[in-house]
C-alpha cells in the first residue's frame, strides 16, 4: 500500500463497501510499524457473523471457544450449564455468549463457589423451547445473565 498523507484521503460515505480498504499500522516488535490493510468485507464479517456451538448433552461447562458465539443447547431433558472459574477458563472481560434452548429441556445456569452470576430476581432457567439468553463477563469471576428466564 502506498504512503498517503491524511489530507490526501477522500471522505467515506456512510455505507461500508466490501471492496473498501482501510490502512492500519501494526507494531513490528522492533520499535517500528508495518503497514497493513483490512477490507470492508473483513470488518463486516468480524462484526456480523456469530459462530455456533451445538450441545446435546444434559450438562455442559463453558469453554474458551464459546467466546462471542451462539451456544445452542438441545435435549429433551433439562440441561445444566456451568460457568467455569476464571482460573480454569480465562474468558476476557466483555465476553458475550448467546444461549438458545432449542429442545424441550430447560437450561439452568449454575456457577461454582467463587463465581458470581448476576441475574434479575435470581432468574437462571430458560422459560421454554427457543428461549434465548445472554451471558456477559463483567469481572474476573463475575457474569451478567439476562433473557427469557425464570426462577428455578
C-alpha atoms as a PDB file:
ATOM      1  CA  UNK A   1       0.000   0.000   0.000  1.00  0.00           C
ATOM      2  CA  UNK A   2       1.406   3.390  -0.980  1.00  0.00           C
ATOM      3  CA  UNK A   3       2.024   6.022   1.663  1.00  0.00           C
ATOM      4  CA  UNK A   4      -0.538   8.851   1.638  1.00  0.00           C
ATOM      5  CA  UNK A   5      -0.958  11.907   3.746  1.00  0.00           C
ATOM      6  CA  UNK A   6      -4.207  12.078   5.679  1.00  0.00           C
ATOM      7  CA  UNK A   7      -5.047  15.330   3.873  1.00  0.00           C
ATOM      8  CA  UNK A   8      -4.930  13.441   0.537  1.00  0.00           C
ATOM      9  CA  UNK A   9      -7.560  10.910   1.556  1.00  0.00           C
ATOM     10  CA  UNK A  10     -11.135  11.233   0.336  1.00  0.00           C
ATOM     11  CA  UNK A  11     -14.112  11.170   2.654  1.00  0.00           C
ATOM     12  CA  UNK A  12     -16.019   7.905   3.017  1.00  0.00           C
ATOM     13  CA  UNK A  13     -19.792   7.761   2.693  1.00  0.00           C
ATOM     14  CA  UNK A  14     -21.934   6.132   5.381  1.00  0.00           C
ATOM     15  CA  UNK A  15     -22.049   2.756   3.624  1.00  0.00           C
ATOM     16  CA  UNK A  16     -19.162   0.365   4.048  1.00  0.00           C
ATOM     17  CA  UNK A  17     -18.348  -1.340   0.749  1.00  0.00           C
ATOM     18  CA  UNK A  18     -16.807  -4.786   0.782  1.00  0.00           C
ATOM     19  CA  UNK A  19     -14.042  -3.507  -1.508  1.00  0.00           C
ATOM     20  CA  UNK A  20     -13.072  -0.592   0.756  1.00  0.00           C
ATOM     21  CA  UNK A  21      -9.570  -0.953   2.179  1.00  0.00           C
ATOM     22  CA  UNK A  22      -8.604   0.667   5.458  1.00  0.00           C
ATOM     23  CA  UNK A  23      -4.984   1.273   6.347  1.00  0.00           C
ATOM     24  CA  UNK A  24      -3.792   0.084   9.717  1.00  0.00           C
ATOM     25  CA  UNK A  25      -0.402   0.007  11.375  1.00  0.00           C
ATOM     26  CA  UNK A  26       0.848  -2.977  13.311  1.00  0.00           C
ATOM     27  CA  UNK A  27       3.695  -2.841  15.812  1.00  0.00           C
ATOM     28  CA  UNK A  28       6.554  -4.868  14.344  1.00  0.00           C
ATOM     29  CA  UNK A  29       8.047  -5.530  17.782  1.00  0.00           C
ATOM     30  CA  UNK A  30      11.277  -3.703  16.937  1.00  0.00           C
ATOM     31  CA  UNK A  31      10.098  -0.159  17.607  1.00  0.00           C
ATOM     32  CA  UNK A  32       8.639   0.306  14.120  1.00  0.00           C
ATOM     33  CA  UNK A  33       5.348  -0.313  12.372  1.00  0.00           C
ATOM     34  CA  UNK A  34       4.267  -2.419   9.424  1.00  0.00           C
ATOM     35  CA  UNK A  35       1.511  -1.064   7.176  1.00  0.00           C
ATOM     36  CA  UNK A  36      -1.367  -3.402   6.510  1.00  0.00           C
ATOM     37  CA  UNK A  37      -4.849  -3.121   5.134  1.00  0.00           C
ATOM     38  CA  UNK A  38      -8.198  -4.526   6.155  1.00  0.00           C
ATOM     39  CA  UNK A  39     -11.122  -4.699   3.757  1.00  0.00           C
ATOM     40  CA  UNK A  40     -14.679  -3.641   4.385  1.00  0.00           C
ATOM     41  CA  UNK A  41     -15.711  -7.263   3.936  1.00  0.00           C
ATOM     42  CA  UNK A  42     -13.335  -8.396   6.695  1.00  0.00           C
ATOM     43  CA  UNK A  43     -14.703  -5.735   9.031  1.00  0.00           C
ATOM     44  CA  UNK A  44     -18.318  -6.642   8.268  1.00  0.00           C
ATOM     45  CA  UNK A  45     -17.579 -10.326   8.716  1.00  0.00           C
ATOM     46  CA  UNK A  46     -15.966  -9.799  12.073  1.00  0.00           C
ATOM     47  CA  UNK A  47     -18.905  -7.859  13.472  1.00  0.00           C
ATOM     48  CA  UNK A  48     -21.879  -9.583  11.882  1.00  0.00           C
ATOM     49  CA  UNK A  49     -21.114 -13.298  11.964  1.00  0.00           C
ATOM     50  CA  UNK A  50     -21.626 -15.282  15.120  1.00  0.00           C
ATOM     51  CA  UNK A  51     -20.228 -18.787  15.276  1.00  0.00           C
ATOM     52  CA  UNK A  52     -22.365 -21.569  16.715  1.00  0.00           C
ATOM     53  CA  UNK A  53     -21.660 -24.394  19.137  1.00  0.00           C
ATOM     54  CA  UNK A  54     -24.382 -27.055  19.402  1.00  0.00           C
ATOM     55  CA  UNK A  55     -24.576 -29.186  22.535  1.00  0.00           C
ATOM     56  CA  UNK A  56     -26.940 -32.123  23.006  1.00  0.00           C
ATOM     57  CA  UNK A  57     -25.976 -33.404  26.468  1.00  0.00           C
ATOM     58  CA  UNK A  58     -27.659 -32.689  29.803  1.00  0.00           C
ATOM     59  CA  UNK A  59     -24.598 -30.979  31.310  1.00  0.00           C
ATOM     60  CA  UNK A  60     -22.153 -28.540  29.773  1.00  0.00           C
ATOM     61  CA  UNK A  61     -19.390 -26.318  31.131  1.00  0.00           C
ATOM     62  CA  UNK A  62     -18.392 -23.307  29.062  1.00  0.00           C
ATOM     63  CA  UNK A  63     -15.041 -23.453  27.252  1.00  0.00           C
ATOM     64  CA  UNK A  64     -12.945 -20.641  25.815  1.00  0.00           C
ATOM     65  CA  UNK A  65     -14.078 -21.382  22.252  1.00  0.00           C
ATOM     66  CA  UNK A  66     -17.654 -20.451  23.300  1.00  0.00           C
ATOM     67  CA  UNK A  67     -16.487 -16.830  23.493  1.00  0.00           C
ATOM     68  CA  UNK A  68     -18.715 -14.488  21.469  1.00  0.00           C
ATOM     69  CA  UNK A  69     -20.711 -17.376  19.981  1.00  0.00           C
ATOM     70  CA  UNK A  70     -24.215 -18.772  19.930  1.00  0.00           C
ATOM     71  CA  UNK A  71     -24.463 -21.809  22.191  1.00  0.00           C
ATOM     72  CA  UNK A  72     -27.398 -23.991  21.189  1.00  0.00           C
ATOM     73  CA  UNK A  73     -28.487 -26.491  23.842  1.00  0.00           C
ATOM     74  CA  UNK A  74     -30.806 -29.211  22.614  1.00  0.00           C
ATOM     75  CA  UNK A  75     -32.062 -32.073  24.727  1.00  0.00           C
ATOM     76  CA  UNK A  76     -35.459 -33.461  25.711  1.00  0.00           C
ATOM     77  CA  UNK A  77     -34.293 -33.460  29.357  1.00  0.00           C
ATOM     78  CA  UNK A  78     -33.232 -30.434  31.385  1.00  0.00           C
ATOM     79  CA  UNK A  79     -29.702 -29.115  30.884  1.00  0.00           C
ATOM     80  CA  UNK A  80     -27.254 -27.724  33.436  1.00  0.00           C
ATOM     81  CA  UNK A  81     -24.886 -25.098  32.047  1.00  0.00           C
ATOM     82  CA  UNK A  82     -21.952 -24.329  34.343  1.00  0.00           C
ATOM     83  CA  UNK A  83     -19.855 -21.165  34.260  1.00  0.00           C
ATOM     84  CA  UNK A  84     -16.206 -22.041  34.958  1.00  0.00           C
ATOM     85  CA  UNK A  85     -13.923 -20.167  37.326  1.00  0.00           C
ATOM     86  CA  UNK A  86     -11.526 -17.705  35.725  1.00  0.00           C
ATOM     87  CA  UNK A  87      -8.667 -19.907  36.979  1.00  0.00           C
ATOM     88  CA  UNK A  88      -9.908 -22.796  34.815  1.00  0.00           C
ATOM     89  CA  UNK A  89     -11.126 -20.820  31.754  1.00  0.00           C
ATOM     90  CA  UNK A  90      -9.911 -17.213  31.463  1.00  0.00           C
ATOM     91  CA  UNK A  91     -12.589 -15.566  29.338  1.00  0.00           C
ATOM     92  CA  UNK A  92     -11.699 -11.913  28.692  1.00  0.00           C
ATOM     93  CA  UNK A  93     -13.907  -9.375  30.444  1.00  0.00           C
ATOM     94  CA  UNK A  94     -16.579  -8.299  27.953  1.00  0.00           C
ATOM     95  CA  UNK A  95     -17.050 -11.793  26.521  1.00  0.00           C
ATOM     96  CA  UNK A  96     -20.618 -12.356  25.370  1.00  0.00           C
ATOM     97  CA  UNK A  97     -22.240 -15.746  24.863  1.00  0.00           C
ATOM     98  CA  UNK A  98     -25.728 -16.125  23.420  1.00  0.00           C
ATOM     99  CA  UNK A  99     -27.631 -19.225  24.512  1.00  0.00           C
ATOM    100  CA  UNK A 100     -30.743 -20.699  22.923  1.00  0.00           C
ATOM    101  CA  UNK A 101     -32.724 -23.616  24.291  1.00  0.00           C
ATOM    102  CA  UNK A 102     -33.663 -25.358  21.050  1.00  0.00           C
ATOM    103  CA  UNK A 103     -35.035 -28.544  22.627  1.00  0.00           C
ATOM    104  CA  UNK A 104     -37.704 -29.252  25.219  1.00  0.00           C
ATOM    105  CA  UNK A 105     -35.254 -29.471  28.131  1.00  0.00           C
ATOM    106  CA  UNK A 106     -34.875 -26.209  30.045  1.00  0.00           C
ATOM    107  CA  UNK A 107     -31.370 -24.836  30.619  1.00  0.00           C
ATOM    108  CA  UNK A 108     -30.349 -23.906  34.171  1.00  0.00           C
ATOM    109  CA  UNK A 109     -27.252 -21.748  34.635  1.00  0.00           C
ATOM    110  CA  UNK A 110     -25.021 -22.562  37.599  1.00  0.00           C
ATOM    111  CA  UNK A 111     -21.850 -21.051  38.999  1.00  0.00           C
ATOM    112  CA  UNK A 112     -19.340 -22.765  41.295  1.00  0.00           C
ATOM    113  CA  UNK A 113     -18.121 -21.249  44.548  1.00  0.00           C
ATOM    114  CA  UNK A 114     -16.155 -18.103  43.768  1.00  0.00           C
ATOM    115  CA  UNK A 115     -18.066 -17.238  40.579  1.00  0.00           C
ATOM    116  CA  UNK A 116     -20.790 -14.591  40.736  1.00  0.00           C
ATOM    117  CA  UNK A 117     -23.799 -14.961  38.461  1.00  0.00           C
ATOM    118  CA  UNK A 118     -25.911 -11.807  38.472  1.00  0.00           C
ATOM    119  CA  UNK A 119     -29.457 -12.307  37.186  1.00  0.00           C
ATOM    120  CA  UNK A 120     -32.571 -10.191  37.709  1.00  0.00           C
ATOM    121  CA  UNK A 121     -34.672 -11.655  40.528  1.00  0.00           C
ATOM    122  CA  UNK A 122     -32.451 -14.815  40.515  1.00  0.00           C
ATOM    123  CA  UNK A 123     -33.900 -15.936  37.177  1.00  0.00           C
ATOM    124  CA  UNK A 124     -31.393 -18.525  35.969  1.00  0.00           C
ATOM    125  CA  UNK A 125     -33.526 -21.006  33.994  1.00  0.00           C
ATOM    126  CA  UNK A 126     -34.751 -20.650  30.407  1.00  0.00           C
ATOM    127  CA  UNK A 127     -38.541 -20.442  30.151  1.00  0.00           C
ATOM    128  CA  UNK A 128     -39.012 -22.979  27.371  1.00  0.00           C
ATOM    129  CA  UNK A 129     -38.170 -24.091  23.872  1.00  0.00           C
ATOM    130  CA  UNK A 130     -36.499 -21.368  21.751  1.00  0.00           C
ATOM    131  CA  UNK A 131     -35.903 -19.156  24.794  1.00  0.00           C
ATOM    132  CA  UNK A 132     -32.773 -17.045  24.383  1.00  0.00           C
ATOM    133  CA  UNK A 133     -30.428 -15.635  26.978  1.00  0.00           C
ATOM    134  CA  UNK A 134     -27.118 -13.804  27.075  1.00  0.00           C
ATOM    135  CA  UNK A 135     -24.113 -14.113  29.371  1.00  0.00           C
ATOM    136  CA  UNK A 136     -21.691 -11.177  29.632  1.00  0.00           C
ATOM    137  CA  UNK A 137     -18.492 -11.447  31.652  1.00  0.00           C
ATOM    138  CA  UNK A 138     -18.264  -8.266  33.726  1.00  0.00           C
ATOM    139  CA  UNK A 139     -15.307  -9.008  36.018  1.00  0.00           C
ATOM    140  CA  UNK A 140     -12.716 -11.703  36.691  1.00  0.00           C
ATOM    141  CA  UNK A 141     -15.185 -14.194  38.174  1.00  0.00           C
ATOM    142  CA  UNK A 142     -18.470 -12.384  37.546  1.00  0.00           C
ATOM    143  CA  UNK A 143     -21.115 -12.676  34.835  1.00  0.00           C
ATOM    144  CA  UNK A 144     -24.394 -10.948  33.984  1.00  0.00           C
ATOM    145  CA  UNK A 145     -27.250 -13.137  32.734  1.00  0.00           C
ATOM    146  CA  UNK A 146     -30.372 -11.838  31.020  1.00  0.00           C
ATOM    147  CA  UNK A 147     -33.044 -13.004  28.598  1.00  0.00           C
ATOM    148  CA  UNK A 148     -36.113 -15.257  28.560  1.00  0.00           C
ATOM    149  CA  UNK A 149     -35.565 -16.640  32.053  1.00  0.00           C
ATOM    150  CA  UNK A 150     -37.493 -17.767  35.129  1.00  0.00           C
ATOM    151  CA  UNK A 151     -36.643 -18.696  38.690  1.00  0.00           C
ATOM    152  CA  UNK A 152     -35.645 -22.267  39.480  1.00  0.00           C
END
